[in-house]
Amino acid sequence: MAMSPRLDLRQGQSLVMTPQLQQAIKLLQLSNLEVAAYVESELEQNPLLEHEEAEGAGEPVSTETEGADPGVGNSSAADETRLLDPIDGAAAERGEGETPLDTDFGNLWMPEDGDAGGGGNGSGEAFANWGSGGGGGGNGFDDSDNGIEQTLVRETTLRDHLLGQLNVDIADPVDRIIGAHLIDLLDDAGYLTGELAGVAAKLDCDVTRVEASLAHLQRLDPPGVFARDLKECLALQLRDRNRFDPAMQALVENLALLAKRDMAALARICGVDAEDLAQMVTEIKALNPKPGLVFDAGVAQPVVPDVLMRPAQGGGWHVELNQDTLPRVLVNTRYYAKVTKEAKNKEEKEFIAERFHSANWLVKSLHQRAQTILKVATEIVRQQDAFFRRGVRYLRPLVLRDIATAISMHESTVSRVTTNKFLSAPHGVYELKYFFTSSISSSDGGEAHSAEAVRFRIKALVDAEAPDDVLSDDKLVDILKAEGIDIARRTVAKYREALRIASSVQRRREKSLGI
């Protein structure tokens, strides 16, 4: 066979993901807040995109499940979707006064005539009267007596709280410097980090003086600060309560035995009976192992749901996207026509065309994302109707394939939609992934049970057990099988450990001691 270079022409097929398709997939797995941040970055780069700032730009993207059979819903996801796109690019071409809100779907609240929010008077007159201060309250924007800086409040930190006490309790300047340096060595929990010898060397003073300053600081509020370990922290709080007697001191020195629930050894070491030991343990549990965190100014950020649901009139559920976090953008076609006419060369025309194509694709991707999320969330609500009405015990086993088959989508699409998305239900906020659980077969041949529902049932049984009748894992298996749940003992033990429930031996020991 001769070996020589040659040219061949071949045909082939391959699947290639375009940048636009990659953008659509990326948007699909982002939450509404992340999408809003992404849209803001696109607005900075694309001059043809702009916010849709018109009041009432579009009807909320929503669906309803039928009231006659709440668990079934409509015949198809396409039929049950009533959609007016809040990010429709064609909105830029509508005439003035022509908005999607010309059609009333019955879910808009309109103020009464004469109300400040609208009606006959108009909002302009209301704001004019308010800003003029005609009410005598000086409530206009030009009110210089009450500046915004007068409404700001600074949270008191642990350091500020301790420095205030230091300046009052200690008069010696050297001791104040040592105290201020020790305050700077505290961590967020109020524990002292670093060695006293290092502090003495840095401040060029005697270690005994640093120790004396530390002993004085350990009496400050909150009790337990400036401790070097957990034992010292608990001891300082017990001294503040005048409860650090020899028996309690022995208990604090043997916290390892308390963690092991070895009450017999603790009672012997402390020299007390079981009743006194139970009371001492109760006092220990009432202490704060991290006293500095009471001054933690960090604000916990609440979860912002992406999908909202509420009971619909006549039965069923009303499902809609959270409009407060849904980004609204449109393509400014007027500006596009203007700059297209003024383009002078080929590079400018290509740039404008590329930006226009990118803007249109972004609007289309946002619209498709909204429809897909709504379709998936509606199907989840339809299949988990018993859970929303009756509680966790009625949570159905569900996998991605079930939702994908019902709405004619791929499992990977459903997986992306349910990633980092939250649903606000009447009795709580749940991640969409929460509704997908493995199944446990029924012992009587009936419908399978959700693993999450079984875990909830195990916790309920343990919480309701009597002190003289602690349920072992074998007993739990018998009870669950009597309820139609076919489950193995090792599975019960795994679920119990995941719920951080102690073994039956430990629970029996704790309940006998009253702890």
Protein backbone atom coordinates (compact mmCIF):
# COMPACT_ATOMS: atom_id res chain seq x y z
CA MET A 1 0.00 0.00 0.00
CA ALA A 2 1.52 3.26 -1.12
CA MET A 3 1.84 5.97 1.50
CA SER A 4 1.44 9.45 0.08
CA PRO A 5 -0.37 12.65 1.12
CA ARG A 6 -3.84 13.19 -0.34
CA LEU A 7 -7.02 15.20 0.24
CA ASP A 8 -10.35 13.54 1.11
CA LEU A 9 -13.80 15.10 1.37
CA ARG A 10 -15.98 13.45 4.05
CA GLN A 11 -19.39 14.16 5.51
CA GLY A 12 -20.15 13.75 9.19
CA GLN A 13 -22.56 14.79 11.93
CA SER A 14 -21.59 16.15 15.35
CA LEU A 15 -23.36 17.87 18.19
CA VAL A 16 -21.83 21.26 18.91
CA MET A 17 -22.95 23.58 21.70
CA THR A 18 -23.02 27.14 20.48
CA PRO A 19 -22.21 29.98 22.89
CA GLN A 20 -25.90 30.92 22.89
CA LEU A 21 -26.92 27.40 23.90
CA GLN A 22 -24.29 27.36 26.63
CA GLN A 23 -25.70 30.66 27.90
CA ALA A 24 -29.24 29.23 28.02
CA ILE A 25 -28.05 26.17 29.95
CA LYS A 26 -26.10 28.36 32.35
CA LEU A 27 -29.12 30.57 33.04
CA LEU A 28 -31.28 27.52 33.65
CA GLN A 29 -29.33 26.35 36.69
CA LEU A 30 -28.97 29.79 38.31
CA SER A 31 -31.35 31.16 40.93
CA ASN A 32 -33.32 34.35 40.30
CA LEU A 33 -30.84 36.44 42.29
CA GLU A 34 -27.90 35.00 40.37
CA VAL A 35 -29.70 35.60 37.09
CA ALA A 36 -30.33 39.20 38.12
CA ALA A 37 -26.60 39.68 38.73
CA TYR A 38 -25.82 38.10 35.37
CA VAL A 39 -28.30 40.37 33.60
CA GLU A 40 -26.75 43.42 35.25
CA SER A 41 -23.36 42.48 33.80
CA GLU A 42 -24.94 42.03 30.36
CA LEU A 43 -26.60 45.45 30.63
CA GLU A 44 -23.19 47.01 31.18
CA GLN A 45 -21.78 45.35 28.05
CA ASN A 46 -24.70 45.58 25.63
CA PRO A 47 -26.03 49.07 24.79
CA LEU A 48 -29.13 47.60 23.16
CA LEU A 49 -30.39 46.08 26.42
CA GLU A 50 -32.28 48.07 29.01
CA HIS A 51 -34.39 47.51 32.10
CA GLU A 52 -38.13 47.28 31.67
CA GLU A 53 -39.11 50.04 34.09
CA ALA A 54 -42.72 50.52 33.03
CA GLU A 55 -45.17 50.01 35.89
CA GLY A 56 -46.93 46.67 35.61
CA ALA A 57 -44.72 45.50 32.79
CA GLY A 58 -46.27 42.07 32.59
CA GLU A 59 -48.62 39.58 34.17
CA PRO A 60 -46.99 37.21 36.71
CA VAL A 61 -45.87 33.98 35.11
CA SER A 62 -48.16 31.48 36.81
CA THR A 63 -50.10 28.25 36.56
CA GLU A 64 -52.97 26.69 38.45
CA THR A 65 -53.82 23.10 39.23
CA GLU A 66 -57.44 22.19 38.82
CA GLY A 67 -59.62 22.31 41.92
CA ALA A 68 -61.66 19.24 40.98
CA ASP A 69 -58.67 16.96 41.32
CA PRO A 70 -55.81 18.84 43.02
CA GLY A 71 -53.44 15.95 42.68
CA VAL A 72 -53.85 15.66 38.91
CA GLY A 73 -53.90 19.20 37.58
CA ASN A 74 -54.54 20.09 33.93
CA SER A 75 -54.17 17.68 31.06
CA SER A 76 -50.91 19.19 29.83
CA ALA A 77 -48.34 21.67 31.04
CA ALA A 78 -48.82 23.77 27.93
CA ASP A 79 -52.57 24.12 28.56
CA GLU A 80 -52.18 25.11 32.20
CA THR A 81 -49.70 27.94 31.56
CA ARG A 82 -51.08 31.45 31.31
CA LEU A 83 -48.08 33.53 30.39
CA LEU A 84 -47.48 37.14 29.63
CA ASP A 85 -43.75 37.43 29.23
CA PRO A 86 -42.32 40.03 31.65
CA ILE A 87 -39.17 40.14 29.57
CA ASP A 88 -40.68 40.24 26.11
CA GLY A 89 -38.41 42.12 23.74
CA ALA A 90 -41.35 43.08 21.57
CA ALA A 91 -42.53 45.40 24.36
CA ALA A 92 -40.21 48.06 23.00
CA GLU A 93 -42.24 48.21 19.80
CA ARG A 94 -45.63 48.64 21.45
CA GLY A 95 -47.30 51.98 21.31
CA GLU A 96 -47.81 54.10 24.37
CA GLY A 97 -50.54 52.68 26.57
CA GLU A 98 -50.51 49.27 24.89
CA THR A 99 -49.31 46.85 27.54
CA PRO A 100 -50.05 43.22 28.32
CA LEU A 101 -52.12 44.41 31.27
CA ASP A 102 -54.93 45.37 28.90
CA THR A 103 -56.23 41.86 29.63
CA ASP A 104 -57.33 41.37 33.24
CA PHE A 105 -56.83 37.83 34.53
CA GLY A 106 -58.39 38.53 37.91
CA ASN A 107 -55.21 38.40 39.99
CA LEU A 108 -54.47 42.14 40.10
CA TRP A 109 -55.48 44.26 43.06
CA MET A 110 -56.60 47.76 42.08
CA PRO A 111 -56.96 50.56 44.67
CA GLU A 112 -60.27 52.21 45.31
CA ASP A 113 -61.11 55.55 43.72
CA GLY A 114 -59.61 58.36 45.70
CA ASP A 115 -56.98 56.16 47.28
CA ALA A 116 -53.44 57.51 47.43
CA GLY A 117 -52.14 54.62 45.38
CA GLY A 118 -54.23 55.43 42.30
CA GLY A 119 -57.84 56.01 41.28
CA GLY A 120 -59.26 59.38 40.41
CA ASN A 121 -56.77 61.70 42.10
CA GLY A 122 -53.66 60.29 40.44
CA SER A 123 -50.34 59.53 42.03
CA GLY A 124 -48.70 62.75 40.86
CA GLU A 125 -50.99 64.97 42.94
CA ALA A 126 -50.56 62.73 45.97
CA PHE A 127 -46.79 62.92 45.80
CA ALA A 128 -46.92 66.66 45.22
CA ASN A 129 -48.99 67.19 48.36
CA TRP A 130 -46.76 64.87 50.36
CA GLY A 131 -43.54 66.51 49.28
CA SER A 132 -44.81 70.02 49.99
CA GLY A 133 -45.15 69.28 53.69
CA GLY A 134 -48.70 70.53 53.73
CA GLY A 135 -49.59 68.20 56.57
CA GLY A 136 -47.37 70.15 58.94
CA GLY A 137 -45.13 67.18 59.65
CA GLY A 138 -42.21 68.25 57.53
CA ASN A 139 -42.22 64.93 55.73
CA GLY A 140 -40.81 66.01 52.38
CA PHE A 141 -37.55 65.02 50.79
CA ASP A 142 -36.14 68.46 51.53
CA ASP A 143 -36.47 68.02 55.31
CA SER A 144 -33.03 68.95 56.63
CA ASP A 145 -33.79 68.41 60.31
CA ASN A 146 -33.90 64.61 60.12
CA GLY A 147 -30.99 63.49 57.98
CA ILE A 148 -30.51 59.86 57.10
CA GLU A 149 -27.34 59.73 59.20
CA GLN A 150 -29.49 60.29 62.29
CA THR A 151 -31.39 57.08 61.61
CA LEU A 152 -28.33 54.82 61.39
CA VAL A 153 -27.58 52.54 64.33
CA ARG A 154 -24.20 50.91 64.91
CA GLU A 155 -24.27 47.47 66.45
CA THR A 156 -22.28 47.08 69.68
CA THR A 157 -19.45 44.62 69.18
CA LEU A 158 -17.85 42.42 71.82
CA ARG A 159 -14.70 44.57 71.70
CA ASP A 160 -16.64 47.81 72.26
CA HIS A 161 -18.57 46.22 75.13
CA LEU A 162 -15.40 45.07 76.87
CA LEU A 163 -13.46 48.30 76.27
CA GLY A 164 -16.28 50.27 77.90
CA GLN A 165 -16.02 48.12 81.03
CA LEU A 166 -12.21 48.23 80.94
CA ASN A 167 -12.13 52.04 80.99
CA VAL A 168 -14.48 52.09 84.00
CA ASP A 169 -13.07 49.24 86.12
CA ILE A 170 -9.31 49.72 85.62
CA ALA A 171 -7.63 53.01 86.49
CA ASP A 172 -3.95 52.08 86.03
CA PRO A 173 -2.77 53.07 82.50
CA VAL A 174 -0.43 50.08 82.20
CA ASP A 175 -3.17 47.63 83.13
CA ARG A 176 -5.46 49.32 80.62
CA ILE A 177 -2.90 48.78 77.85
CA ILE A 178 -2.53 45.12 78.83
CA GLY A 179 -6.32 44.72 78.96
CA ALA A 180 -6.79 46.35 75.55
CA HIS A 181 -4.15 44.04 74.06
CA LEU A 182 -5.85 40.98 75.56
CA ILE A 183 -9.20 42.14 74.18
CA ASP A 184 -7.66 42.25 70.71
CA LEU A 185 -6.63 38.60 71.14
CA LEU A 186 -10.21 37.37 71.60
CA ASP A 187 -11.87 35.35 68.87
CA ASP A 188 -15.53 35.65 67.87
CA ALA A 189 -16.61 33.15 70.55
CA GLY A 190 -14.89 35.15 73.33
CA TYR A 191 -11.93 32.78 73.84
CA LEU A 192 -8.41 34.10 74.39
CA THR A 193 -5.93 33.17 71.68
CA GLY A 194 -2.17 33.36 72.14
CA GLU A 195 0.14 32.81 75.10
CA LEU A 196 0.48 35.19 78.04
CA ALA A 197 4.25 34.94 77.82
CA GLY A 198 4.11 36.35 74.30
CA VAL A 199 1.92 39.22 75.49
CA ALA A 200 4.36 40.01 78.31
CA ALA A 201 7.30 39.96 75.93
CA LYS A 202 5.57 42.21 73.43
CA LEU A 203 4.53 44.75 76.08
CA ASP A 204 7.83 44.43 78.00
CA CYS A 205 6.20 43.64 81.34
CA ASP A 206 6.14 40.80 83.84
CA VAL A 207 4.01 37.70 83.13
CA THR A 208 2.51 37.86 86.61
CA ARG A 209 1.09 41.29 85.84
CA VAL A 210 -0.48 40.00 82.62
CA GLU A 211 -1.98 37.09 84.57
CA ALA A 212 -3.39 39.51 87.16
CA SER A 213 -4.93 41.63 84.40
CA LEU A 214 -6.41 38.52 82.83
CA ALA A 215 -7.95 37.44 86.14
CA HIS A 216 -9.60 40.85 86.43
CA LEU A 217 -10.85 40.75 82.82
CA GLN A 218 -12.38 37.33 83.35
CA ARG A 219 -14.86 38.93 85.75
CA LEU A 220 -16.26 41.21 83.06
CA ASP A 221 -19.57 40.75 81.26
CA PRO A 222 -20.54 38.47 79.58
CA PRO A 223 -19.46 35.72 81.98
CA GLY A 224 -17.08 33.23 80.41
CA VAL A 225 -15.07 35.59 78.19
CA PHE A 226 -11.26 35.46 78.21
CA ALA A 227 -11.35 31.70 78.82
CA ARG A 228 -8.62 29.61 77.20
CA ASP A 229 -10.64 26.41 76.84
CA LEU A 230 -14.14 25.06 77.38
CA LYS A 231 -13.52 23.94 80.94
CA GLU A 232 -12.33 27.39 82.00
CA CYS A 233 -15.27 29.01 80.19
CA LEU A 234 -17.80 26.89 82.08
CA ALA A 235 -15.95 27.41 85.36
CA LEU A 236 -16.06 31.21 84.95
CA GLN A 237 -19.80 31.14 84.36
CA LEU A 238 -20.38 28.85 87.35
CA ARG A 239 -18.29 31.16 89.57
CA ASP A 240 -20.43 34.08 88.39
CA ARG A 241 -23.50 32.13 89.54
CA ASN A 242 -21.79 31.11 92.80
CA ARG A 243 -22.21 27.43 91.87
CA PHE A 244 -18.59 26.32 91.45
CA ASP A 245 -18.43 23.99 94.45
CA PRO A 246 -16.09 20.96 94.66
CA ALA A 247 -18.68 18.60 93.14
CA MET A 248 -19.29 20.92 90.19
CA GLN A 249 -15.54 21.43 89.78
CA ALA A 250 -15.08 17.67 89.52
CA LEU A 251 -17.84 17.50 86.90
CA VAL A 252 -16.23 20.26 84.80
CA GLU A 253 -12.86 18.53 84.99
CA ASN A 254 -14.42 15.32 83.60
CA LEU A 255 -16.40 16.60 80.64
CA ALA A 256 -15.15 13.65 78.57
CA LEU A 257 -17.12 11.27 80.79
CA LEU A 258 -20.18 13.48 80.41
CA ALA A 259 -19.85 13.28 76.62
CA LYS A 260 -19.74 9.48 76.90
CA ARG A 261 -22.86 9.51 79.14
CA ASP A 262 -20.95 7.55 81.80
CA MET A 263 -23.11 8.76 84.66
CA ALA A 264 -22.05 6.05 87.07
CA ALA A 265 -18.39 7.12 86.88
CA LEU A 266 -19.33 10.80 87.17
CA ALA A 267 -21.47 10.20 90.23
CA ARG A 268 -18.62 8.33 91.87
CA ILE A 269 -16.02 11.03 91.06
CA CYS A 270 -18.26 13.92 92.12
CA GLY A 271 -19.46 12.14 95.26
CA VAL A 272 -23.15 12.76 94.61
CA ASP A 273 -26.19 10.60 93.94
CA ALA A 274 -28.00 10.24 90.61
CA GLU A 275 -30.58 12.93 91.40
CA ASP A 276 -27.96 15.56 92.29
CA LEU A 277 -25.88 14.62 89.25
CA ALA A 278 -28.89 15.10 86.96
CA GLN A 279 -29.42 18.57 88.44
CA MET A 280 -25.75 19.46 87.95
CA VAL A 281 -25.84 18.31 84.34
CA THR A 282 -28.93 20.46 83.78
CA GLU A 283 -27.01 23.49 85.08
CA ILE A 284 -24.08 22.71 82.77
CA LYS A 285 -26.40 22.49 79.77
CA ALA A 286 -27.83 25.93 80.62
CA LEU A 287 -24.40 27.58 80.25
CA ASN A 288 -23.17 29.26 77.07
CA PRO A 289 -20.07 27.58 75.62
CA LYS A 290 -19.49 30.55 73.27
CA PRO A 291 -20.36 33.70 75.23
CA GLY A 292 -18.85 36.08 72.68
CA LEU A 293 -21.39 35.17 70.02
CA VAL A 294 -24.13 37.11 71.81
CA PHE A 295 -22.54 40.21 70.27
CA ASP A 296 -22.34 38.74 66.78
CA ALA A 297 -23.67 41.47 64.51
CA GLY A 298 -23.87 39.22 61.47
CA VAL A 299 -27.35 39.12 59.96
CA ALA A 300 -28.53 35.79 58.64
CA GLN A 301 -29.61 36.15 55.03
CA PRO A 302 -33.02 34.59 54.46
CA VAL A 303 -33.63 32.31 51.52
CA VAL A 304 -35.39 34.12 48.68
CA PRO A 305 -37.81 31.71 46.99
CA ASP A 306 -37.82 31.47 43.20
CA VAL A 307 -41.32 29.98 42.99
CA LEU A 308 -44.41 30.94 45.00
CA MET A 309 -47.49 28.80 45.58
CA ARG A 310 -50.78 29.40 47.35
CA PRO A 311 -54.20 27.73 47.51
CA ALA A 312 -56.35 28.50 44.49
CA GLN A 313 -60.02 29.32 44.63
CA GLY A 314 -62.12 26.21 44.28
CA GLY A 315 -59.26 23.89 45.23
CA GLY A 316 -55.87 23.14 43.77
CA TRP A 317 -52.79 25.34 43.89
CA HIS A 318 -51.72 28.55 42.21
CA VAL A 319 -48.05 28.43 41.22
CA GLU A 320 -46.11 31.46 39.96
CA LEU A 321 -42.58 32.77 39.68
CA ASN A 322 -41.35 35.29 42.21
CA GLN A 323 -41.69 38.56 40.31
CA ASP A 324 -39.68 40.49 42.89
CA THR A 325 -36.47 38.69 41.89
CA LEU A 326 -37.27 37.97 38.23
CA PRO A 327 -35.13 40.21 35.98
CA ARG A 328 -37.00 42.23 33.37
CA VAL A 329 -35.10 43.35 30.30
CA LEU A 330 -36.00 44.25 26.75
CA VAL A 331 -34.28 45.12 23.49
CA ASN A 332 -34.36 48.79 22.58
CA THR A 333 -35.33 48.42 18.93
CA ARG A 334 -35.62 52.18 18.41
CA TYR A 335 -32.04 52.70 19.49
CA TYR A 336 -30.98 49.74 17.32
CA ALA A 337 -32.62 51.30 14.24
CA LYS A 338 -30.99 54.63 14.98
CA VAL A 339 -27.42 53.37 15.42
CA THR A 340 -27.80 51.04 12.42
CA LYS A 341 -28.50 54.01 10.17
CA GLU A 342 -25.54 55.93 11.57
CA ALA A 343 -23.03 53.07 11.26
CA LYS A 344 -20.20 54.20 8.99
CA ASN A 345 -18.14 51.10 8.33
CA LYS A 346 -18.32 47.33 8.26
CA GLU A 347 -16.86 46.85 11.76
CA GLU A 348 -19.49 49.07 13.34
CA LYS A 349 -22.31 47.29 11.51
CA GLU A 350 -20.98 43.88 12.56
CA PHE A 351 -20.70 45.01 16.18
CA ILE A 352 -24.26 46.36 16.21
CA ALA A 353 -25.62 43.20 14.58
CA GLU A 354 -23.76 40.98 17.06
CA ARG A 355 -25.04 42.99 20.04
CA PHE A 356 -28.58 42.89 18.68
CA HIS A 357 -28.41 39.14 18.18
CA SER A 358 -26.96 38.66 21.68
CA ALA A 359 -29.67 40.82 23.26
CA ASN A 360 -32.44 38.95 21.49
CA TRP A 361 -30.99 35.62 22.53
CA LEU A 362 -30.73 36.73 26.17
CA VAL A 363 -34.38 37.81 26.21
CA LYS A 364 -35.39 34.53 24.59
CA SER A 365 -33.28 32.53 27.07
CA LEU A 366 -34.85 34.32 30.05
CA HIS A 367 -38.31 33.69 28.66
CA GLN A 368 -37.59 30.01 28.09
CA ARG A 369 -36.02 29.70 31.55
CA ALA A 370 -39.13 31.16 33.20
CA GLN A 371 -41.43 28.77 31.34
CA THR A 372 -39.26 25.74 32.14
CA ILE A 373 -38.98 26.52 35.86
CA LEU A 374 -42.72 27.10 36.08
CA LYS A 375 -43.48 23.87 34.26
CA VAL A 376 -41.19 21.79 36.49
CA ALA A 377 -42.42 23.43 39.72
CA THR A 378 -46.06 22.94 38.72
CA GLU A 379 -45.50 19.23 38.07
CA ILE A 380 -43.73 18.84 41.42
CA VAL A 381 -46.64 20.50 43.21
CA ARG A 382 -49.08 18.28 41.33
CA GLN A 383 -47.29 15.07 42.27
CA GLN A 384 -46.62 16.11 45.88
CA ASP A 385 -50.12 17.45 46.53
CA ALA A 386 -50.62 15.16 49.55
CA PHE A 387 -47.45 16.51 51.16
CA PHE A 388 -48.59 20.14 50.88
CA ARG A 389 -52.01 19.29 52.28
CA ARG A 390 -51.25 16.71 54.97
CA GLY A 391 -47.57 16.93 55.95
CA VAL A 392 -44.24 15.16 55.62
CA ARG A 393 -45.67 11.70 56.27
CA TYR A 394 -47.38 11.86 52.88
CA LEU A 395 -44.30 12.83 50.87
CA ARG A 396 -44.17 10.60 47.79
CA PRO A 397 -40.97 8.99 46.51
CA LEU A 398 -39.93 10.93 43.44
CA VAL A 399 -36.99 10.89 41.00
CA LEU A 400 -35.99 13.22 38.20
CA ARG A 401 -37.20 10.73 35.61
CA ASP A 402 -40.78 10.99 36.88
CA ILE A 403 -40.91 14.77 36.35
CA ALA A 404 -39.00 14.59 33.04
CA THR A 405 -41.42 12.02 31.65
CA ALA A 406 -44.49 13.96 32.77
CA ILE A 407 -43.40 17.23 31.10
CA SER A 408 -41.55 15.66 28.14
CA MET A 409 -38.10 16.97 29.04
CA HIS A 410 -34.70 15.42 29.61
CA GLU A 411 -33.60 14.47 33.11
CA SER A 412 -30.57 16.75 32.89
CA THR A 413 -32.86 19.72 32.22
CA VAL A 414 -34.98 18.91 35.27
CA SER A 415 -31.79 18.52 37.32
CA ARG A 416 -30.58 21.98 36.27
CA VAL A 417 -33.96 23.55 36.97
CA THR A 418 -34.17 22.12 40.48
CA THR A 419 -30.60 23.13 41.39
CA ASN A 420 -30.43 26.06 43.80
CA LYS A 421 -34.15 26.84 43.41
CA PHE A 422 -36.57 27.26 46.31
CA LEU A 423 -40.34 26.96 46.56
CA SER A 424 -42.37 28.99 49.04
CA ALA A 425 -45.27 26.85 50.27
CA PRO A 426 -47.98 27.85 52.78
CA HIS A 427 -46.11 26.07 55.60
CA GLY A 428 -42.45 26.71 54.71
CA VAL A 429 -39.75 27.27 52.10
CA TYR A 430 -38.31 24.13 50.50
CA GLU A 431 -35.55 23.51 48.02
CA LEU A 432 -36.89 21.82 44.90
CA LYS A 433 -34.37 19.02 45.42
CA TYR A 434 -36.09 18.23 48.73
CA PHE A 435 -39.03 16.64 46.93
CA PHE A 436 -36.84 14.05 45.21
CA THR A 437 -36.30 11.14 47.59
CA SER A 438 -35.60 7.45 47.24
CA SER A 439 -38.41 4.96 47.72
CA ILE A 440 -38.93 2.23 50.31
CA SER A 441 -41.17 -0.60 49.22
CA SER A 442 -44.41 -1.40 51.00
CA SER A 443 -44.72 -4.62 53.00
CA ASP A 444 -48.32 -5.15 51.93
CA GLY A 445 -47.75 -4.59 48.21
CA GLY A 446 -49.17 -1.05 48.23
CA GLU A 447 -47.62 2.23 47.14
CA ALA A 448 -43.97 2.80 48.01
CA HIS A 449 -42.96 5.17 50.81
CA SER A 450 -40.59 8.13 50.66
CA ALA A 451 -37.33 7.82 52.59
CA GLU A 452 -37.84 11.33 54.00
CA ALA A 453 -41.30 10.37 55.26
CA VAL A 454 -39.84 7.25 56.92
CA ARG A 455 -37.17 9.35 58.66
CA PHE A 456 -39.86 11.70 59.89
CA ARG A 457 -41.85 8.75 61.22
CA ILE A 458 -38.80 7.35 63.07
CA LYS A 459 -38.18 10.71 64.74
CA ALA A 460 -41.85 10.98 65.75
CA LEU A 461 -41.78 7.50 67.31
CA VAL A 462 -38.60 8.25 69.26
CA ASP A 463 -39.91 11.60 70.50
CA ALA A 464 -43.10 9.97 71.75
CA GLU A 465 -41.47 7.00 73.51
CA ALA A 466 -41.91 6.65 77.28
CA PRO A 467 -38.89 6.60 79.64
CA ASP A 468 -39.75 3.05 80.71
CA ASP A 469 -40.35 1.84 77.14
CA VAL A 470 -37.44 3.01 74.98
CA LEU A 471 -37.75 1.72 71.42
CA SER A 472 -34.85 -0.32 70.09
CA ASP A 473 -34.03 -0.49 66.38
CA ASP A 474 -35.68 -3.91 66.18
CA LYS A 475 -38.82 -2.54 67.80
CA LEU A 476 -38.86 0.36 65.34
CA VAL A 477 -38.61 -2.11 62.47
CA ASP A 478 -41.62 -4.05 63.83
CA ILE A 479 -43.70 -0.87 64.20
CA LEU A 480 -42.83 0.36 60.70
CA LYS A 481 -43.59 -3.03 59.14
CA ALA A 482 -46.95 -3.04 60.92
CA GLU A 483 -47.61 0.32 59.23
CA GLY A 484 -46.79 -1.19 55.82
CA ILE A 485 -43.16 -0.05 55.50
CA ASP A 486 -40.75 -2.81 54.48
CA ILE A 487 -37.45 -1.66 55.99
CA ALA A 488 -34.33 -3.39 57.31
CA ARG A 489 -32.81 -2.85 60.75
CA ARG A 490 -29.56 -1.45 59.34
CA THR A 491 -31.59 1.12 57.37
CA VAL A 492 -33.37 2.19 60.55
CA ALA A 493 -30.01 2.53 62.31
CA LYS A 494 -28.65 4.61 59.40
CA TYR A 495 -31.65 6.95 59.43
CA ARG A 496 -31.50 7.24 63.24
CA GLU A 497 -27.82 8.22 63.13
CA ALA A 498 -28.49 10.71 60.34
CA LEU A 499 -31.13 12.32 62.58
CA ARG A 500 -28.55 12.43 65.43
CA ILE A 501 -30.68 10.22 67.65
CA ALA A 502 -28.73 8.26 70.24
CA SER A 503 -28.98 4.51 70.56
CA SER A 504 -31.69 2.94 72.72
CA VAL A 505 -29.15 2.19 75.47
CA GLN A 506 -28.02 5.82 75.70
CA ARG A 507 -31.58 7.14 75.51
CA ARG A 508 -32.70 4.79 78.29
CA ARG A 509 -29.79 5.92 80.48
CA GLU A 510 -30.46 9.61 79.86
CA LYS A 511 -34.19 9.37 80.48
CA SER A 512 -33.66 7.40 83.67
CA LEU A 513 -31.46 10.25 84.93
CA GLY A 514 -33.83 12.92 83.68
CA ILE A 515 -31.40 14.54 81.21
